[in-house]
Amino acid sequence: MPASLTSEQLRAALRTVLDPELGFSIVDLGLVYALDYDGAGNVHILLTLTTPTCPLQDHFRQAITTALQSLPQVHNVAIDFTFTPRWNLEKATAQVREGLALLGIGTLRW
């Protein structure tokens, strides 16, 4: 029986997945809405992207699967994208908000 995983262990693996345009992890950007591990090797992740028209869904699907399957307890990864609620900077960490502000990105709207 695979050892149990904590939410923090899963999130640590996902912190290696960076948004290639913004340079921050999907966790710190606040893109991960739900993350469930069933104890039998299956992970389900519900996440959003910064915009509904983001062309990087396949990139994120592959990077997330690779990151999570780097944990020996994870065998299957199911990924669902949602755009409800829409992503905004309030979902990001303070460090991300500060970093984006330095780039001149104070608010993102669509």
PDB file of N, CA and C in Angstrom:
ATOM      1  N   MET A   1       0.843  -1.179   0.000  1.00  0.00           N
ATOM      2  CA  MET A   1       0.000   0.000   0.000  1.00  0.00           C
ATOM      3  C   MET A   1       0.888   1.243   0.000  1.00  0.00           C
ATOM      4  N   PRO A   2       0.670   2.181  -0.939  1.00  0.00           N
ATOM      5  CA  PRO A   2       1.483   3.385  -0.975  1.00  0.00           C
ATOM      6  C   PRO A   2       1.276   4.231   0.278  1.00  0.00           C
ATOM      7  N   ALA A   3       2.361   4.877   0.718  1.00  0.00           N
ATOM      8  CA  ALA A   3       2.271   5.766   1.862  1.00  0.00           C
ATOM      9  C   ALA A   3       1.375   6.949   1.521  1.00  0.00           C
ATOM     10  N   SER A   4       0.789   7.510   2.543  1.00  0.00           N
ATOM     11  CA  SER A   4      -0.101   8.645   2.345  1.00  0.00           C
ATOM     12  C   SER A   4       0.693   9.893   1.972  1.00  0.00           C
ATOM     13  N   LEU A   5       0.024  10.791   1.286  1.00  0.00           N
ATOM     14  CA  LEU A   5       0.610  12.077   0.913  1.00  0.00           C
ATOM     15  C   LEU A   5      -0.208  13.187   1.544  1.00  0.00           C
ATOM     16  N   THR A   6       0.479  14.215   1.980  1.00  0.00           N
ATOM     17  CA  THR A   6      -0.218  15.374   2.507  1.00  0.00           C
ATOM     18  C   THR A   6      -0.460  16.374   1.380  1.00  0.00           C
ATOM     19  N   SER A   7      -1.364  17.280   1.638  1.00  0.00           N
ATOM     20  CA  SER A   7      -1.635  18.345   0.694  1.00  0.00           C
ATOM     21  C   SER A   7      -0.369  19.160   0.446  1.00  0.00           C
ATOM     22  N   GLU A   8       0.413  19.381   1.494  1.00  0.00           N
ATOM     23  CA  GLU A   8       1.647  20.167   1.339  1.00  0.00           C
ATOM     24  C   GLU A   8       2.662  19.444   0.459  1.00  0.00           C
ATOM     25  N   GLN A   9       2.752  18.122   0.551  1.00  0.00           N
ATOM     26  CA  GLN A   9       3.663  17.376  -0.319  1.00  0.00           C
ATOM     27  C   GLN A   9       3.228  17.491  -1.777  1.00  0.00           C
ATOM     28  N   LEU A  10       1.938  17.413  -2.001  1.00  0.00           N
ATOM     29  CA  LEU A  10       1.421  17.557  -3.362  1.00  0.00           C
ATOM     30  C   LEU A  10       1.673  18.970  -3.880  1.00  0.00           C
ATOM     31  N   ARG A  11       1.414  19.959  -3.053  1.00  0.00           N
ATOM     32  CA  ARG A  11       1.629  21.351  -3.457  1.00  0.00           C
ATOM     33  C   ARG A  11       3.113  21.636  -3.686  1.00  0.00           C
ATOM     34  N   ALA A  12       3.978  21.018  -2.911  1.00  0.00           N
ATOM     35  CA  ALA A  12       5.421  21.199  -3.117  1.00  0.00           C
ATOM     36  C   ALA A  12       5.828  20.681  -4.495  1.00  0.00           C
ATOM     37  N   ALA A  13       5.275  19.547  -4.894  1.00  0.00           N
ATOM     38  CA  ALA A  13       5.570  19.018  -6.233  1.00  0.00           C
ATOM     39  C   ALA A  13       5.038  19.964  -7.306  1.00  0.00           C
ATOM     40  N   LEU A  14       3.859  20.524  -7.073  1.00  0.00           N
ATOM     41  CA  LEU A  14       3.265  21.430  -8.052  1.00  0.00           C
ATOM     42  C   LEU A  14       3.970  22.782  -8.119  1.00  0.00           C
ATOM     43  N   ARG A  15       4.720  23.127  -7.071  1.00  0.00           N
ATOM     44  CA  ARG A  15       5.471  24.391  -7.103  1.00  0.00           C
ATOM     45  C   ARG A  15       6.589  24.357  -8.145  1.00  0.00           C
ATOM     46  N   THR A  16       6.887  23.181  -8.666  1.00  0.00           N
ATOM     47  CA  THR A  16       7.902  23.088  -9.729  1.00  0.00           C
ATOM     48  C   THR A  16       7.305  23.418 -11.092  1.00  0.00           C
ATOM     49  N   VAL A  17       5.977  23.518 -11.160  1.00  0.00           N
ATOM     50  CA  VAL A  17       5.297  23.825 -12.422  1.00  0.00           C
ATOM     51  C   VAL A  17       5.129  25.341 -12.507  1.00  0.00           C
ATOM     52  N   LEU A  18       5.885  25.949 -13.406  1.00  0.00           N
ATOM     53  CA  LEU A  18       5.863  27.401 -13.545  1.00  0.00           C
ATOM     54  C   LEU A  18       5.010  27.820 -14.731  1.00  0.00           C
ATOM     55  N   ASP A  19       4.351  28.948 -14.572  1.00  0.00           N
ATOM     56  CA  ASP A  19       3.685  29.569 -15.709  1.00  0.00           C
ATOM     57  C   ASP A  19       4.804  30.160 -16.557  1.00  0.00           C
ATOM     58  N   PRO A  20       4.983  29.690 -17.795  1.00  0.00           N
ATOM     59  CA  PRO A  20       6.127  30.128 -18.598  1.00  0.00           C
ATOM     60  C   PRO A  20       6.086  31.604 -18.982  1.00  0.00           C
ATOM     61  N   GLU A  21       4.919  32.203 -18.938  1.00  0.00           N
ATOM     62  CA  GLU A  21       4.818  33.620 -19.279  1.00  0.00           C
ATOM     63  C   GLU A  21       5.077  34.519 -18.076  1.00  0.00           C
ATOM     64  N   LEU A  22       4.639  34.096 -16.898  1.00  0.00           N
ATOM     65  CA  LEU A  22       4.773  34.925 -15.710  1.00  0.00           C
ATOM     66  C   LEU A  22       5.949  34.532 -14.830  1.00  0.00           C
ATOM     67  N   GLY A  23       6.409  33.282 -14.941  1.00  0.00           N
ATOM     68  CA  GLY A  23       7.578  32.846 -14.194  1.00  0.00           C
ATOM     69  C   GLY A  23       7.335  32.471 -12.746  1.00  0.00           C
ATOM     70  N   PHE A  24       6.090  32.299 -12.355  1.00  0.00           N
ATOM     71  CA  PHE A  24       5.742  31.896 -10.993  1.00  0.00           C
ATOM     72  C   PHE A  24       5.048  30.537 -11.038  1.00  0.00           C
ATOM     73  N   SER A  25       5.089  29.830  -9.911  1.00  0.00           N
ATOM     74  CA  SER A  25       4.463  28.508  -9.868  1.00  0.00           C
ATOM     75  C   SER A  25       2.949  28.627  -9.911  1.00  0.00           C
ATOM     76  N   ILE A  26       2.328  27.566 -10.399  1.00  0.00           N
ATOM     77  CA  ILE A  26       0.865  27.547 -10.468  1.00  0.00           C
ATOM     78  C   ILE A  26       0.249  27.589  -9.075  1.00  0.00           C
ATOM     79  N   VAL A  27       0.964  27.099  -8.072  1.00  0.00           N
ATOM     80  CA  VAL A  27       0.463  27.139  -6.696  1.00  0.00           C
ATOM     81  C   VAL A  27       0.504  28.574  -6.187  1.00  0.00           C
ATOM     82  N   ASP A  28       1.648  29.234  -6.355  1.00  0.00           N
ATOM     83  CA  ASP A  28       1.788  30.597  -5.844  1.00  0.00           C
ATOM     84  C   ASP A  28       0.929  31.595  -6.604  1.00  0.00           C
ATOM     85  N   LEU A  29       0.637  31.307  -7.861  1.00  0.00           N
ATOM     86  CA  LEU A  29      -0.266  32.156  -8.625  1.00  0.00           C
ATOM     87  C   LEU A  29      -1.724  31.987  -8.179  1.00  0.00           C
ATOM     88  N   GLY A  30      -1.992  30.920  -7.438  1.00  0.00           N
ATOM     89  CA  GLY A  30      -3.363  30.662  -6.986  1.00  0.00           C
ATOM     90  C   GLY A  30      -4.210  29.993  -8.045  1.00  0.00           C
ATOM     91  N   LEU A  31      -3.572  29.285  -8.963  1.00  0.00           N
ATOM     92  CA  LEU A  31      -4.311  28.628 -10.043  1.00  0.00           C
ATOM     93  C   LEU A  31      -4.915  27.290  -9.611  1.00  0.00           C
ATOM     94  N   VAL A  32      -4.398  26.711  -8.545  1.00  0.00           N
ATOM     95  CA  VAL A  32      -4.886  25.410  -8.066  1.00  0.00           C
ATOM     96  C   VAL A  32      -6.071  25.648  -7.146  1.00  0.00           C
ATOM     97  N   TYR A  33      -7.240  25.196  -7.574  1.00  0.00           N
ATOM     98  CA  TYR A  33      -8.457  25.387  -6.794  1.00  0.00           C
ATOM     99  C   TYR A  33      -8.757  24.204  -5.878  1.00  0.00           C
ATOM    100  N   ALA A  34      -8.433  22.996  -6.311  1.00  0.00           N
ATOM    101  CA  ALA A  34      -8.670  21.808  -5.485  1.00  0.00           C
ATOM    102  C   ALA A  34      -7.628  20.759  -5.836  1.00  0.00           C
ATOM    103  N   LEU A  35      -7.232  20.002  -4.825  1.00  0.00           N
ATOM    104  CA  LEU A  35      -6.201  18.986  -4.999  1.00  0.00           C
ATOM    105  C   LEU A  35      -6.546  17.831  -4.067  1.00  0.00           C
ATOM    106  N   ASP A  36      -6.862  16.675  -4.651  1.00  0.00           N
ATOM    107  CA  ASP A  36      -7.300  15.531  -3.857  1.00  0.00           C
ATOM    108  C   ASP A  36      -6.457  14.304  -4.166  1.00  0.00           C
ATOM    109  N   TYR A  37      -6.021  13.634  -3.113  1.00  0.00           N
ATOM    110  CA  TYR A  37      -5.291  12.367  -3.219  1.00  0.00           C
ATOM    111  C   TYR A  37      -6.124  11.313  -2.505  1.00  0.00           C
ATOM    112  N   ASP A  38      -6.403  10.211  -3.187  1.00  0.00           N
ATOM    113  CA  ASP A  38      -7.297   9.200  -2.609  1.00  0.00           C
ATOM    114  C   ASP A  38      -6.597   8.135  -1.782  1.00  0.00           C
ATOM    115  N   GLY A  39      -5.275   8.210  -1.655  1.00  0.00           N
ATOM    116  CA  GLY A  39      -4.544   7.230  -0.861  1.00  0.00           C
ATOM    117  C   GLY A  39      -4.205   5.967  -1.633  1.00  0.00           C
ATOM    118  N   ALA A  40      -4.749   5.821  -2.851  1.00  0.00           N
ATOM    119  CA  ALA A  40      -4.493   4.633  -3.663  1.00  0.00           C
ATOM    120  C   ALA A  40      -3.685   4.971  -4.918  1.00  0.00           C
ATOM    121  N   GLY A  41      -3.072   6.154  -4.931  1.00  0.00           N
ATOM    122  CA  GLY A  41      -2.234   6.520  -6.061  1.00  0.00           C
ATOM    123  C   GLY A  41      -2.879   7.448  -7.073  1.00  0.00           C
ATOM    124  N   ASN A  42      -4.110   7.883  -6.795  1.00  0.00           N
ATOM    125  CA  ASN A  42      -4.840   8.736  -7.731  1.00  0.00           C
ATOM    126  C   ASN A  42      -4.937  10.156  -7.204  1.00  0.00           C
ATOM    127  N   VAL A  43      -4.611  11.117  -8.061  1.00  0.00           N
ATOM    128  CA  VAL A  43      -4.717  12.533  -7.706  1.00  0.00           C
ATOM    129  C   VAL A  43      -5.669  13.197  -8.682  1.00  0.00           C
ATOM    130  N   HIS A  44      -6.540  14.027  -8.149  1.00  0.00           N
ATOM    131  CA  HIS A  44      -7.414  14.848  -8.981  1.00  0.00           C
ATOM    132  C   HIS A  44      -7.089  16.302  -8.660  1.00  0.00           C
ATOM    133  N   ILE A  45      -6.892  17.095  -9.699  1.00  0.00           N
ATOM    134  CA  ILE A  45      -6.600  18.509  -9.527  1.00  0.00           C
ATOM    135  C   ILE A  45      -7.595  19.326 -10.343  1.00  0.00           C
ATOM    136  N   LEU A  46      -8.121  20.342  -9.698  1.00  0.00           N
ATOM    137  CA  LEU A  46      -8.993  21.304 -10.365  1.00  0.00           C
ATOM    138  C   LEU A  46      -8.240  22.617 -10.356  1.00  0.00           C
ATOM    139  N   LEU A  47      -8.045  23.175 -11.532  1.00  0.00           N
ATOM    140  CA  LEU A  47      -7.313  24.424 -11.602  1.00  0.00           C
ATOM    141  C   LEU A  47      -7.852  25.306 -12.694  1.00  0.00           C
ATOM    142  N   THR A  48      -7.380  26.523 -12.658  1.00  0.00           N
ATOM    143  CA  THR A  48      -7.745  27.492 -13.669  1.00  0.00           C
ATOM    144  C   THR A  48      -6.472  27.971 -14.334  1.00  0.00           C
ATOM    145  N   LEU A  49      -6.629  28.803 -15.321  1.00  0.00           N
ATOM    146  CA  LEU A  49      -5.500  29.461 -15.963  1.00  0.00           C
ATOM    147  C   LEU A  49      -5.740  30.963 -15.870  1.00  0.00           C
ATOM    148  N   THR A  50      -4.722  31.750 -16.163  1.00  0.00           N
ATOM    149  CA  THR A  50      -4.868  33.189 -15.986  1.00  0.00           C
ATOM    150  C   THR A  50      -5.912  33.783 -16.919  1.00  0.00           C
ATOM    151  N   THR A  51      -6.132  33.154 -18.076  1.00  0.00           N
ATOM    152  CA  THR A  51      -7.187  33.600 -18.986  1.00  0.00           C
ATOM    153  C   THR A  51      -7.853  32.385 -19.619  1.00  0.00           C
ATOM    154  N   PRO A  52      -9.129  32.479 -19.941  1.00  0.00           N
ATOM    155  CA  PRO A  52      -9.813  31.348 -20.580  1.00  0.00           C
ATOM    156  C   PRO A  52      -9.235  31.005 -21.952  1.00  0.00           C
ATOM    157  N   THR A  53      -8.583  31.946 -22.587  1.00  0.00           N
ATOM    158  CA  THR A  53      -8.035  31.704 -23.929  1.00  0.00           C
ATOM    159  C   THR A  53      -6.575  31.268 -23.892  1.00  0.00           C
ATOM    160  N   CYS A  54      -6.063  30.942 -22.720  1.00  0.00           N
ATOM    161  CA  CYS A  54      -4.664  30.533 -22.589  1.00  0.00           C
ATOM    162  C   CYS A  54      -4.383  29.327 -23.491  1.00  0.00           C
ATOM    163  N   PRO A  55      -3.372  29.445 -24.352  1.00  0.00           N
ATOM    164  CA  PRO A  55      -3.062  28.346 -25.263  1.00  0.00           C
ATOM    165  C   PRO A  55      -2.186  27.254 -24.644  1.00  0.00           C
ATOM    166  N   LEU A  56      -1.938  27.339 -23.338  1.00  0.00           N
ATOM    167  CA  LEU A  56      -0.978  26.438 -22.712  1.00  0.00           C
ATOM    168  C   LEU A  56      -1.604  25.293 -21.925  1.00  0.00           C
ATOM    169  N   GLN A  57      -2.865  24.967 -22.188  1.00  0.00           N
ATOM    170  CA  GLN A  57      -3.497  23.877 -21.436  1.00  0.00           C
ATOM    171  C   GLN A  57      -2.720  22.567 -21.564  1.00  0.00           C
ATOM    172  N   ASP A  58      -2.301  22.222 -22.758  1.00  0.00           N
ATOM    173  CA  ASP A  58      -1.553  20.974 -22.942  1.00  0.00           C
ATOM    174  C   ASP A  58      -0.215  21.013 -22.211  1.00  0.00           C
ATOM    175  N   HIS A  59       0.446  22.165 -22.257  1.00  0.00           N
ATOM    176  CA  HIS A  59       1.717  22.326 -21.534  1.00  0.00           C
ATOM    177  C   HIS A  59       1.493  22.077 -20.042  1.00  0.00           C
ATOM    178  N   PHE A  60       0.483  22.720 -19.472  1.00  0.00           N
ATOM    179  CA  PHE A  60       0.219  22.563 -18.050  1.00  0.00           C
ATOM    180  C   PHE A  60      -0.210  21.136 -17.714  1.00  0.00           C
ATOM    181  N   ARG A  61      -1.015  20.527 -18.559  1.00  0.00           N
ATOM    182  CA  ARG A  61      -1.449  19.142 -18.318  1.00  0.00           C
ATOM    183  C   ARG A  61      -0.226  18.214 -18.214  1.00  0.00           C
ATOM    184  N   GLN A  62       0.709  18.350 -19.134  1.00  0.00           N
ATOM    185  CA  GLN A  62       1.913  17.507 -19.123  1.00  0.00           C
ATOM    186  C   GLN A  62       2.818  17.833 -17.932  1.00  0.00           C
ATOM    187  N   ALA A  63       3.050  19.115 -17.676  1.00  0.00           N
ATOM    188  CA  ALA A  63       3.943  19.513 -16.581  1.00  0.00           C
ATOM    189  C   ALA A  63       3.385  19.100 -15.222  1.00  0.00           C
ATOM    190  N   ILE A  64       2.082  19.235 -15.038  1.00  0.00           N
ATOM    191  CA  ILE A  64       1.449  18.847 -13.783  1.00  0.00           C
ATOM    192  C   ILE A  64       1.518  17.339 -13.589  1.00  0.00           C
ATOM    193  N   THR A  65       1.222  16.593 -14.630  1.00  0.00           N
ATOM    194  CA  THR A  65       1.284  15.131 -14.550  1.00  0.00           C
ATOM    195  C   THR A  65       2.696  14.679 -14.208  1.00  0.00           C
ATOM    196  N   THR A  66       3.683  15.238 -14.885  1.00  0.00           N
ATOM    197  CA  THR A  66       5.088  14.883 -14.620  1.00  0.00           C
ATOM    198  C   THR A  66       5.476  15.220 -13.189  1.00  0.00           C
ATOM    199  N   ALA A  67       5.101  16.412 -12.726  1.00  0.00           N
ATOM    200  CA  ALA A  67       5.461  16.828 -11.368  1.00  0.00           C
ATOM    201  C   ALA A  67       4.835  15.922 -10.319  1.00  0.00           C
ATOM    202  N   LEU A  68       3.563  15.625 -10.466  1.00  0.00           N
ATOM    203  CA  LEU A  68       2.890  14.789  -9.468  1.00  0.00           C
ATOM    204  C   LEU A  68       3.361  13.340  -9.526  1.00  0.00           C
ATOM    205  N   GLN A  69       3.611  12.835 -10.729  1.00  0.00           N
ATOM    206  CA  GLN A  69       4.070  11.451 -10.836  1.00  0.00           C
ATOM    207  C   GLN A  69       5.534  11.287 -10.427  1.00  0.00           C
ATOM    208  N   SER A  70       6.211  12.390 -10.126  1.00  0.00           N
ATOM    209  CA  SER A  70       7.557  12.284  -9.566  1.00  0.00           C
ATOM    210  C   SER A  70       7.495  11.780  -8.121  1.00  0.00           C
ATOM    211  N   LEU A  71       6.315  11.878  -7.516  1.00  0.00           N
ATOM    212  CA  LEU A  71       6.099  11.322  -6.184  1.00  0.00           C
ATOM    213  C   LEU A  71       5.787   9.834  -6.347  1.00  0.00           C
ATOM    214  N   PRO A  72       6.519   8.957  -5.659  1.00  0.00           N
ATOM    215  CA  PRO A  72       6.322   7.513  -5.880  1.00  0.00           C
ATOM    216  C   PRO A  72       4.917   7.014  -5.543  1.00  0.00           C
ATOM    217  N   GLN A  73       4.181   7.748  -4.733  1.00  0.00           N
ATOM    218  CA  GLN A  73       2.830   7.323  -4.354  1.00  0.00           C
ATOM    219  C   GLN A  73       1.790   7.640  -5.425  1.00  0.00           C
ATOM    220  N   VAL A  74       2.153   8.477  -6.394  1.00  0.00           N
ATOM    221  CA  VAL A  74       1.169   8.920  -7.390  1.00  0.00           C
ATOM    222  C   VAL A  74       1.325   8.113  -8.669  1.00  0.00           C
ATOM    223  N   HIS A  75       0.220   7.512  -9.120  1.00  0.00           N
ATOM    224  CA  HIS A  75       0.218   6.709 -10.337  1.00  0.00           C
ATOM    225  C   HIS A  75      -0.669   7.301 -11.425  1.00  0.00           C
ATOM    226  N   ASN A  76      -1.776   7.888 -11.019  1.00  0.00           N
ATOM    227  CA  ASN A  76      -2.728   8.453 -11.979  1.00  0.00           C
ATOM    228  C   ASN A  76      -3.050   9.892 -11.599  1.00  0.00           C
ATOM    229  N   VAL A  77      -3.099  10.749 -12.615  1.00  0.00           N
ATOM    230  CA  VAL A  77      -3.415  12.158 -12.391  1.00  0.00           C
ATOM    231  C   VAL A  77      -4.578  12.542 -13.306  1.00  0.00           C
ATOM    232  N   ALA A  78      -5.629  13.052 -12.703  1.00  0.00           N
ATOM    233  CA  ALA A  78      -6.781  13.562 -13.462  1.00  0.00           C
ATOM    234  C   ALA A  78      -6.805  15.074 -13.279  1.00  0.00           C
ATOM    235  N   ILE A  79      -6.888  15.783 -14.391  1.00  0.00           N
ATOM    236  CA  ILE A  79      -6.829  17.246 -14.367  1.00  0.00           C
ATOM    237  C   ILE A  79      -8.084  17.813 -15.015  1.00  0.00           C
ATOM    238  N   ASP A  80      -8.731  18.712 -14.302  1.00  0.00           N
ATOM    239  CA  ASP A  80      -9.879  19.442 -14.845  1.00  0.00           C
ATOM    240  C   ASP A  80      -9.581  20.925 -14.762  1.00  0.00           C
ATOM    241  N   PHE A  81      -9.867  21.636 -15.852  1.00  0.00           N
ATOM    242  CA  PHE A  81      -9.730  23.083 -15.897  1.00  0.00           C
ATOM    243  C   PHE A  81     -11.096  23.715 -15.700  1.00  0.00           C
ATOM    244  N   THR A  82     -11.124  24.823 -14.981  1.00  0.00           N
ATOM    245  CA  THR A  82     -12.349  25.584 -14.789  1.00  0.00           C
ATOM    246  C   THR A  82     -12.025  27.065 -14.917  1.00  0.00           C
ATOM    247  N   PHE A  83     -12.994  27.838 -15.230  1.00  0.00           N
ATOM    248  CA  PHE A  83     -12.817  29.282 -15.270  1.00  0.00           C
ATOM    249  C   PHE A  83     -13.869  29.973 -14.410  1.00  0.00           C
ATOM    250  N   THR A  84     -14.433  29.188 -13.484  1.00  0.00           N
ATOM    251  CA  THR A  84     -15.381  29.702 -12.517  1.00  0.00           C
ATOM    252  C   THR A  84     -14.942  29.245 -11.137  1.00  0.00           C
ATOM    253  N   PRO A  85     -14.546  30.126 -10.277  1.00  0.00           N
ATOM    254  CA  PRO A  85     -14.462  31.564 -10.485  1.00  0.00           C
ATOM    255  C   PRO A  85     -13.236  31.927 -11.320  1.00  0.00           C
ATOM    256  N   ARG A  86     -13.318  33.075 -11.947  1.00  0.00           N
ATOM    257  CA  ARG A  86     -12.189  33.551 -12.734  1.00  0.00           C
ATOM    258  C   ARG A  86     -10.996  33.827 -11.830  1.00  0.00           C
ATOM    259  N   TRP A  87      -9.807  33.585 -12.379  1.00  0.00           N
ATOM    260  CA  TRP A  87      -8.583  33.878 -11.642  1.00  0.00           C
ATOM    261  C   TRP A  87      -8.384  35.386 -11.568  1.00  0.00           C
ATOM    262  N   ASN A  88      -7.840  35.828 -10.433  1.00  0.00           N
ATOM    263  CA  ASN A  88      -7.424  37.217 -10.290  1.00  0.00           C
ATOM    264  C   ASN A  88      -6.242  37.256  -9.328  1.00  0.00           C
ATOM    265  N   LEU A  89      -5.616  38.389  -9.218  1.00  0.00           N
ATOM    266  CA  LEU A  89      -4.411  38.511  -8.390  1.00  0.00           C
ATOM    267  C   LEU A  89      -4.669  38.278  -6.909  1.00  0.00           C
ATOM    268  N   GLU A  90      -5.903  38.401  -6.468  1.00  0.00           N
ATOM    269  CA  GLU A  90      -6.204  38.143  -5.063  1.00  0.00           C
ATOM    270  C   GLU A  90      -5.940  36.694  -4.689  1.00  0.00           C
ATOM    271  N   LYS A  91      -5.952  35.807  -5.663  1.00  0.00           N
ATOM    272  CA  LYS A  91      -5.721  34.391  -5.407  1.00  0.00           C
ATOM    273  C   LYS A  91      -4.220  34.073  -5.297  1.00  0.00           C
ATOM    274  N   ALA A  92      -3.372  35.005  -5.738  1.00  0.00           N
ATOM    275  CA  ALA A  92      -1.924  34.798  -5.727  1.00  0.00           C
ATOM    276  C   ALA A  92      -1.344  35.157  -4.363  1.00  0.00           C
ATOM    277  N   THR A  93      -0.149  34.630  -4.097  1.00  0.00           N
ATOM    278  CA  THR A  93       0.539  34.973  -2.851  1.00  0.00           C
ATOM    279  C   THR A  93       1.004  36.425  -2.915  1.00  0.00           C
ATOM    280  N   ALA A  94       1.302  36.975  -1.753  1.00  0.00           N
ATOM    281  CA  ALA A  94       1.801  38.353  -1.683  1.00  0.00           C
ATOM    282  C   ALA A  94       3.091  38.494  -2.484  1.00  0.00           C
ATOM    283  N   GLN A  95       3.947  37.486  -2.437  1.00  0.00           N
ATOM    284  CA  GLN A  95       5.207  37.527  -3.182  1.00  0.00           C
ATOM    285  C   GLN A  95       4.954  37.631  -4.685  1.00  0.00           C
ATOM    286  N   VAL A  96       3.998  36.898  -5.186  1.00  0.00           N
ATOM    287  CA  VAL A  96       3.657  36.963  -6.604  1.00  0.00           C
ATOM    288  C   VAL A  96       3.088  38.337  -6.949  1.00  0.00           C
ATOM    289  N   ARG A  97       2.175  38.819  -6.119  1.00  0.00           N
ATOM    290  CA  ARG A  97       1.588  40.143  -6.381  1.00  0.00           C
ATOM    291  C   ARG A  97       2.670  41.227  -6.411  1.00  0.00           C
ATOM    292  N   GLU A  98       3.616  41.150  -5.489  1.00  0.00           N
ATOM    293  CA  GLU A  98       4.712  42.124  -5.458  1.00  0.00           C
ATOM    294  C   GLU A  98       5.593  41.989  -6.697  1.00  0.00           C
ATOM    295  N   GLY A  99       5.898  40.749  -7.088  1.00  0.00           N
ATOM    296  CA  GLY A  99       6.721  40.524  -8.267  1.00  0.00           C
ATOM    297  C   GLY A  99       6.065  41.018  -9.539  1.00  0.00           C
ATOM    298  N   LEU A 100       4.769  40.785  -9.658  1.00  0.00           N
ATOM    299  CA  LEU A 100       4.047  41.250 -10.836  1.00  0.00           C
ATOM    300  C   LEU A 100       3.922  42.773 -10.843  1.00  0.00           C
ATOM    301  N   ALA A 101       3.787  43.360  -9.652  1.00  0.00           N
ATOM    302  CA  ALA A 101       3.722  44.817  -9.573  1.00  0.00           C
ATOM    303  C   ALA A 101       5.029  45.430 -10.077  1.00  0.00           C
ATOM    304  N   LEU A 102       6.148  44.788  -9.792  1.00  0.00           N
ATOM    305  CA  LEU A 102       7.436  45.275 -10.295  1.00  0.00           C
ATOM    306  C   LEU A 102       7.500  45.228 -11.821  1.00  0.00           C
ATOM    307  N   LEU A 103       6.725  44.329 -12.406  1.00  0.00           N
ATOM    308  CA  LEU A 103       6.659  44.224 -13.864  1.00  0.00           C
ATOM    309  C   LEU A 103       5.590  45.149 -14.443  1.00  0.00           C
ATOM    310  N   GLY A 104       4.921  45.887 -13.571  1.00  0.00           N
ATOM    311  CA  GLY A 104       3.878  46.800 -14.033  1.00  0.00           C
ATOM    312  C   GLY A 104       2.521  46.163 -14.188  1.00  0.00           C
ATOM    313  N   ILE A 105       2.356  44.976 -13.615  1.00  0.00           N
ATOM    314  CA  ILE A 105       1.078  44.280 -13.700  1.00  0.00           C
ATOM    315  C   ILE A 105       0.403  44.409 -12.334  1.00  0.00           C
ATOM    316  N   GLY A 106      -0.512  45.364 -12.236  1.00  0.00           N
ATOM    317  CA  GLY A 106      -1.183  45.596 -10.966  1.00  0.00           C
ATOM    318  C   GLY A 106      -2.528  44.923 -10.893  1.00  0.00           C
ATOM    319  N   THR A 107      -3.219  44.893 -11.999  1.00  0.00           N
ATOM    320  CA  THR A 107      -4.517  44.217 -12.057  1.00  0.00           C
ATOM    321  C   THR A 107      -4.614  43.527 -13.402  1.00  0.00           C
ATOM    322  N   LEU A 108      -5.168  42.373 -13.365  1.00  0.00           N
ATOM    323  CA  LEU A 108      -5.419  41.634 -14.601  1.00  0.00           C
ATOM    324  C   LEU A 108      -6.916  41.477 -14.729  1.00  0.00           C
ATOM    325  N   ARG A 109      -7.458  41.939 -15.807  1.00  0.00           N
ATOM    326  CA  ARG A 109      -8.904  41.820 -16.037  1.00  0.00           C
ATOM    327  C   ARG A 109      -9.119  41.312 -17.441  1.00  0.00           C
ATOM    328  N   TRP A 110     -10.273  40.675 -17.570  1.00  0.00           N
ATOM    329  CA  TRP A 110     -10.691  40.343 -18.890  1.00  0.00           C
ATOM    330  C   TRP A 110     -12.113  40.631 -19.133  1.00  0.00           C
TER     331      TRP A 110
END
